[in-house]
Amino acid sequence: MTEPQVSQILSVHLPGIDGLCAGCRWWWARLAPYPCYQAEWALRWDARAATRRFLDGLP
């Protein structure tokens, strides 16, 4: 996966008014609590990438 793909997942899989994942409802007509598996995965991936960027910048 690339950062733009992860950003797309994070932009779609958002909490709905009812606390369910809006992206899962739109894409798969599935009622999943937020954060769903896709949102959790994308958040972890994004955190790891940010940590790598931070650590690579250290001397």
PDB file of N, CA and C in Angstrom:
ATOM      1  N   MET A   1       0.843  -1.182   0.000  1.00  0.00           N
ATOM      2  CA  MET A   1       0.000   0.000   0.000  1.00  0.00           C
ATOM      3  C   MET A   1       0.887   1.244   0.000  1.00  0.00           C
ATOM      4  N   THR A   2       0.361   2.278  -0.551  1.00  0.00           N
ATOM      5  CA  THR A   2       1.076   3.546  -0.573  1.00  0.00           C
ATOM      6  C   THR A   2       0.334   4.555   0.303  1.00  0.00           C
ATOM      7  N   GLU A   3       1.003   5.635   0.608  1.00  0.00           N
ATOM      8  CA  GLU A   3       0.377   6.651   1.464  1.00  0.00           C
ATOM      9  C   GLU A   3      -0.910   7.220   0.870  1.00  0.00           C
ATOM     10  N   PRO A   4      -0.986   7.479  -0.443  1.00  0.00           N
ATOM     11  CA  PRO A   4      -2.265   7.970  -0.975  1.00  0.00           C
ATOM     12  C   PRO A   4      -3.411   6.957  -0.801  1.00  0.00           C
ATOM     13  N   GLN A   5      -3.100   5.669  -0.944  1.00  0.00           N
ATOM     14  CA  GLN A   5      -4.133   4.653  -0.764  1.00  0.00           C
ATOM     15  C   GLN A   5      -4.602   4.611   0.693  1.00  0.00           C
ATOM     16  N   VAL A   6      -3.662   4.701   1.621  1.00  0.00           N
ATOM     17  CA  VAL A   6      -4.022   4.702   3.037  1.00  0.00           C
ATOM     18  C   VAL A   6      -4.825   5.955   3.367  1.00  0.00           C
ATOM     19  N   SER A   7      -4.447   7.082   2.806  1.00  0.00           N
ATOM     20  CA  SER A   7      -5.201   8.323   3.027  1.00  0.00           C
ATOM     21  C   SER A   7      -6.621   8.209   2.496  1.00  0.00           C
ATOM     22  N   GLN A   8      -6.785   7.519   1.366  1.00  0.00           N
ATOM     23  CA  GLN A   8      -8.122   7.327   0.812  1.00  0.00           C
ATOM     24  C   GLN A   8      -8.971   6.469   1.753  1.00  0.00           C
ATOM     25  N   ILE A   9      -8.396   5.422   2.303  1.00  0.00           N
ATOM     26  CA  ILE A   9      -9.122   4.575   3.254  1.00  0.00           C
ATOM     27  C   ILE A   9      -9.531   5.399   4.472  1.00  0.00           C
ATOM     28  N   LEU A  10      -8.600   6.190   5.000  1.00  0.00           N
ATOM     29  CA  LEU A  10      -8.910   7.005   6.178  1.00  0.00           C
ATOM     30  C   LEU A  10      -9.946   8.077   5.872  1.00  0.00           C
ATOM     31  N   SER A  11      -9.979   8.569   4.646  1.00  0.00           N
ATOM     32  CA  SER A  11     -10.943   9.616   4.311  1.00  0.00           C
ATOM     33  C   SER A  11     -12.360   9.073   4.143  1.00  0.00           C
ATOM     34  N   VAL A  12     -12.487   7.782   3.857  1.00  0.00           N
ATOM     35  CA  VAL A  12     -13.804   7.186   3.635  1.00  0.00           C
ATOM     36  C   VAL A  12     -14.337   6.500   4.883  1.00  0.00           C
ATOM     37  N   HIS A  13     -13.473   5.815   5.599  1.00  0.00           N
ATOM     38  CA  HIS A  13     -13.899   5.065   6.784  1.00  0.00           C
ATOM     39  C   HIS A  13     -13.899   5.992   7.997  1.00  0.00           C
ATOM     40  N   LEU A  14     -15.000   6.725   8.120  1.00  0.00           N
ATOM     41  CA  LEU A  14     -15.185   7.697   9.191  1.00  0.00           C
ATOM     42  C   LEU A  14     -16.372   7.279  10.051  1.00  0.00           C
ATOM     43  N   PRO A  15     -16.409   7.753  11.290  1.00  0.00           N
ATOM     44  CA  PRO A  15     -17.575   7.416  12.111  1.00  0.00           C
ATOM     45  C   PRO A  15     -18.819   8.152  11.627  1.00  0.00           C
ATOM     46  N   GLY A  16     -19.906   7.418  11.521  1.00  0.00           N
ATOM     47  CA  GLY A  16     -21.179   8.027  11.150  1.00  0.00           C
ATOM     48  C   GLY A  16     -21.859   8.610  12.379  1.00  0.00           C
ATOM     49  N   ILE A  17     -22.980   9.244  12.168  1.00  0.00           N
ATOM     50  CA  ILE A  17     -23.739   9.848  13.270  1.00  0.00           C
ATOM     51  C   ILE A  17     -24.143   8.791  14.293  1.00  0.00           C
ATOM     52  N   ASP A  18     -24.403   7.580  13.812  1.00  0.00           N
ATOM     53  CA  ASP A  18     -24.850   6.497  14.681  1.00  0.00           C
ATOM     54  C   ASP A  18     -23.706   5.696  15.296  1.00  0.00           C
ATOM     55  N   GLY A  19     -22.457   6.096  15.048  1.00  0.00           N
ATOM     56  CA  GLY A  19     -21.305   5.397  15.606  1.00  0.00           C
ATOM     57  C   GLY A  19     -20.828   4.230  14.760  1.00  0.00           C
ATOM     58  N   LEU A  20     -21.449   4.030  13.619  1.00  0.00           N
ATOM     59  CA  LEU A  20     -21.034   2.967  12.713  1.00  0.00           C
ATOM     60  C   LEU A  20     -20.126   3.546  11.632  1.00  0.00           C
ATOM     61  N   CYS A  21     -19.337   2.687  11.015  1.00  0.00           N
ATOM     62  CA  CYS A  21     -18.397   3.121   9.979  1.00  0.00           C
ATOM     63  C   CYS A  21     -19.147   3.487   8.703  1.00  0.00           C
ATOM     64  N   ALA A  22     -18.984   4.733   8.272  1.00  0.00           N
ATOM     65  CA  ALA A  22     -19.672   5.205   7.064  1.00  0.00           C
ATOM     66  C   ALA A  22     -19.113   4.526   5.816  1.00  0.00           C
ATOM     67  N   GLY A  23     -17.803   4.280   5.758  1.00  0.00           N
ATOM     68  CA  GLY A  23     -17.190   3.645   4.589  1.00  0.00           C
ATOM     69  C   GLY A  23     -17.664   2.223   4.385  1.00  0.00           C
ATOM     70  N   CYS A  24     -17.788   1.461   5.452  1.00  0.00           N
ATOM     71  CA  CYS A  24     -18.278   0.081   5.335  1.00  0.00           C
ATOM     72  C   CYS A  24     -19.716   0.072   4.833  1.00  0.00           C
ATOM     73  N   ARG A  25     -20.510   1.022   5.291  1.00  0.00           N
ATOM     74  CA  ARG A  25     -21.904   1.089   4.846  1.00  0.00           C
ATOM     75  C   ARG A  25     -21.964   1.460   3.368  1.00  0.00           C
ATOM     76  N   TRP A  26     -21.145   2.431   2.919  1.00  0.00           N
ATOM     77  CA  TRP A  26     -21.172   2.861   1.522  1.00  0.00           C
ATOM     78  C   TRP A  26     -20.640   1.790   0.591  1.00  0.00           C
ATOM     79  N   TRP A  27     -19.492   1.192   0.944  1.00  0.00           N
ATOM     80  CA  TRP A  27     -18.825   0.269   0.016  1.00  0.00           C
ATOM     81  C   TRP A  27     -19.421  -1.125   0.017  1.00  0.00           C
ATOM     82  N   TRP A  28     -19.785  -1.637   1.197  1.00  0.00           N
ATOM     83  CA  TRP A  28     -20.207  -3.038   1.279  1.00  0.00           C
ATOM     84  C   TRP A  28     -21.603  -3.217   1.868  1.00  0.00           C
ATOM     85  N   ALA A  29     -22.309  -2.145   2.152  1.00  0.00           N
ATOM     86  CA  ALA A  29     -23.627  -2.214   2.784  1.00  0.00           C
ATOM     87  C   ALA A  29     -23.549  -3.066   4.053  1.00  0.00           C
ATOM     88  N   ARG A  30     -22.477  -2.860   4.797  1.00  0.00           N
ATOM     89  CA  ARG A  30     -22.236  -3.625   6.023  1.00  0.00           C
ATOM     90  C   ARG A  30     -22.250  -2.676   7.213  1.00  0.00           C
ATOM     91  N   LEU A  31     -22.957  -3.050   8.249  1.00  0.00           N
ATOM     92  CA  LEU A  31     -22.973  -2.249   9.471  1.00  0.00           C
ATOM     93  C   LEU A  31     -21.823  -2.709  10.355  1.00  0.00           C
ATOM     94  N   ALA A  32     -20.810  -1.887  10.467  1.00  0.00           N
ATOM     95  CA  ALA A  32     -19.637  -2.201  11.274  1.00  0.00           C
ATOM     96  C   ALA A  32     -19.389  -1.049  12.239  1.00  0.00           C
ATOM     97  N   PRO A  33     -19.089  -1.366  13.483  1.00  0.00           N
ATOM     98  CA  PRO A  33     -18.800  -0.283  14.429  1.00  0.00           C
ATOM     99  C   PRO A  33     -17.514   0.433  14.036  1.00  0.00           C
ATOM    100  N   TYR A  34     -17.472   1.725  14.331  1.00  0.00           N
ATOM    101  CA  TYR A  34     -16.243   2.482  14.068  1.00  0.00           C
ATOM    102  C   TYR A  34     -15.381   2.453  15.318  1.00  0.00           C
ATOM    103  N   PRO A  35     -14.077   2.235  15.228  1.00  0.00           N
ATOM    104  CA  PRO A  35     -13.298   2.035  14.016  1.00  0.00           C
ATOM    105  C   PRO A  35     -13.411   0.598  13.519  1.00  0.00           C
ATOM    106  N   CYS A  36     -13.618   0.453  12.222  1.00  0.00           N
ATOM    107  CA  CYS A  36     -13.702  -0.859  11.602  1.00  0.00           C
ATOM    108  C   CYS A  36     -12.283  -1.379  11.371  1.00  0.00           C
ATOM    109  N   TYR A  37     -12.192  -2.602  10.853  1.00  0.00           N
ATOM    110  CA  TYR A  37     -10.873  -3.181  10.611  1.00  0.00           C
ATOM    111  C   TYR A  37     -10.044  -2.360   9.637  1.00  0.00           C
ATOM    112  N   GLN A  38     -10.681  -1.822   8.591  1.00  0.00           N
ATOM    113  CA  GLN A  38      -9.938  -1.033   7.614  1.00  0.00           C
ATOM    114  C   GLN A  38      -9.402   0.249   8.243  1.00  0.00           C
ATOM    115  N   ALA A  39     -10.216   0.917   9.042  1.00  0.00           N
ATOM    116  CA  ALA A  39      -9.772   2.155   9.686  1.00  0.00           C
ATOM    117  C   ALA A  39      -8.664   1.873  10.687  1.00  0.00           C
ATOM    118  N   GLU A  40      -8.798   0.796  11.479  1.00  0.00           N
ATOM    119  CA  GLU A  40      -7.748   0.454  12.445  1.00  0.00           C
ATOM    120  C   GLU A  40      -6.441   0.148  11.733  1.00  0.00           C
ATOM    121  N   TRP A  41      -6.520  -0.625  10.645  1.00  0.00           N
ATOM    122  CA  TRP A  41      -5.311  -0.965   9.896  1.00  0.00           C
ATOM    123  C   TRP A  41      -4.658   0.296   9.327  1.00  0.00           C
ATOM    124  N   ALA A  42      -5.452   1.160   8.705  1.00  0.00           N
ATOM    125  CA  ALA A  42      -4.910   2.371   8.089  1.00  0.00           C
ATOM    126  C   ALA A  42      -4.313   3.309   9.134  1.00  0.00           C
ATOM    127  N   LEU A  43      -4.933   3.415  10.290  1.00  0.00           N
ATOM    128  CA  LEU A  43      -4.381   4.257  11.359  1.00  0.00           C
ATOM    129  C   LEU A  43      -3.043   3.713  11.845  1.00  0.00           C
ATOM    130  N   ARG A  44      -2.938   2.384  11.996  1.00  0.00           N
ATOM    131  CA  ARG A  44      -1.657   1.786  12.407  1.00  0.00           C
ATOM    132  C   ARG A  44      -0.596   1.999  11.342  1.00  0.00           C
ATOM    133  N   TRP A  45      -0.957   1.820  10.072  1.00  0.00           N
ATOM    134  CA  TRP A  45      -0.003   1.997   8.986  1.00  0.00           C
ATOM    135  C   TRP A  45       0.488   3.434   8.954  1.00  0.00           C
ATOM    136  N   ASP A  46      -0.436   4.370   9.107  1.00  0.00           N
ATOM    137  CA  ASP A  46      -0.076   5.791   9.088  1.00  0.00           C
ATOM    138  C   ASP A  46       0.827   6.138  10.259  1.00  0.00           C
ATOM    139  N   ALA A  47       0.564   5.585  11.436  1.00  0.00           N
ATOM    140  CA  ALA A  47       1.408   5.844  12.608  1.00  0.00           C
ATOM    141  C   ALA A  47       2.812   5.272  12.407  1.00  0.00           C
ATOM    142  N   ARG A  48       2.896   4.071  11.839  1.00  0.00           N
ATOM    143  CA  ARG A  48       4.225   3.492  11.578  1.00  0.00           C
ATOM    144  C   ARG A  48       5.005   4.333  10.572  1.00  0.00           C
ATOM    145  N   ALA A  49       4.321   4.812   9.530  1.00  0.00           N
ATOM    146  CA  ALA A  49       4.996   5.633   8.525  1.00  0.00           C
ATOM    147  C   ALA A  49       5.486   6.942   9.133  1.00  0.00           C
ATOM    148  N   ALA A  50       4.680   7.554   9.997  1.00  0.00           N
ATOM    149  CA  ALA A  50       5.097   8.801  10.654  1.00  0.00           C
ATOM    150  C   ALA A  50       6.286   8.551  11.574  1.00  0.00           C
ATOM    151  N   THR A  51       6.286   7.436  12.280  1.00  0.00           N
ATOM    152  CA  THR A  51       7.410   7.097  13.156  1.00  0.00           C
ATOM    153  C   THR A  51       8.673   6.875  12.347  1.00  0.00           C
ATOM    154  N   ARG A  52       8.542   6.166  11.205  1.00  0.00           N
ATOM    155  CA  ARG A  52       9.710   5.951  10.332  1.00  0.00           C
ATOM    156  C   ARG A  52      10.256   7.276   9.827  1.00  0.00           C
ATOM    157  N   ARG A  53       9.362   8.183   9.409  1.00  0.00           N
ATOM    158  CA  ARG A  53       9.837   9.488   8.919  1.00  0.00           C
ATOM    159  C   ARG A  53      10.544  10.246  10.027  1.00  0.00           C
ATOM    160  N   PHE A  54      10.001  10.200  11.233  1.00  0.00           N
ATOM    161  CA  PHE A  54      10.625  10.893  12.362  1.00  0.00           C
ATOM    162  C   PHE A  54      11.988  10.313  12.698  1.00  0.00           C
ATOM    163  N   LEU A  55      12.071   8.992  12.788  1.00  0.00           N
ATOM    164  CA  LEU A  55      13.337   8.347  13.157  1.00  0.00           C
ATOM    165  C   LEU A  55      14.388   8.484  12.060  1.00  0.00           C
ATOM    166  N   ASP A  56      13.977   8.495  10.803  1.00  0.00           N
ATOM    167  CA  ASP A  56      14.931   8.671   9.726  1.00  0.00           C
ATOM    168  C   ASP A  56      15.538  10.074   9.739  1.00  0.00           C
ATOM    169  N   GLY A  57      14.844  11.037  10.309  1.00  0.00           N
ATOM    170  CA  GLY A  57      15.344  12.409  10.361  1.00  0.00           C
ATOM    171  C   GLY A  57      16.326  12.648  11.504  1.00  0.00           C
ATOM    172  N   LEU A  58      16.405  11.696  12.437  1.00  0.00           N
ATOM    173  CA  LEU A  58      17.340  11.863  13.569  1.00  0.00           C
ATOM    174  C   LEU A  58      18.761  11.562  13.144  1.00  0.00           C
ATOM    175  N   PRO A  59      19.748  12.229  13.752  1.00  0.00           N
ATOM    176  CA  PRO A  59      21.147  11.963  13.381  1.00  0.00           C
ATOM    177  C   PRO A  59      21.611  10.606  13.834  1.00  0.00           C
TER     178      PRO A  59
END
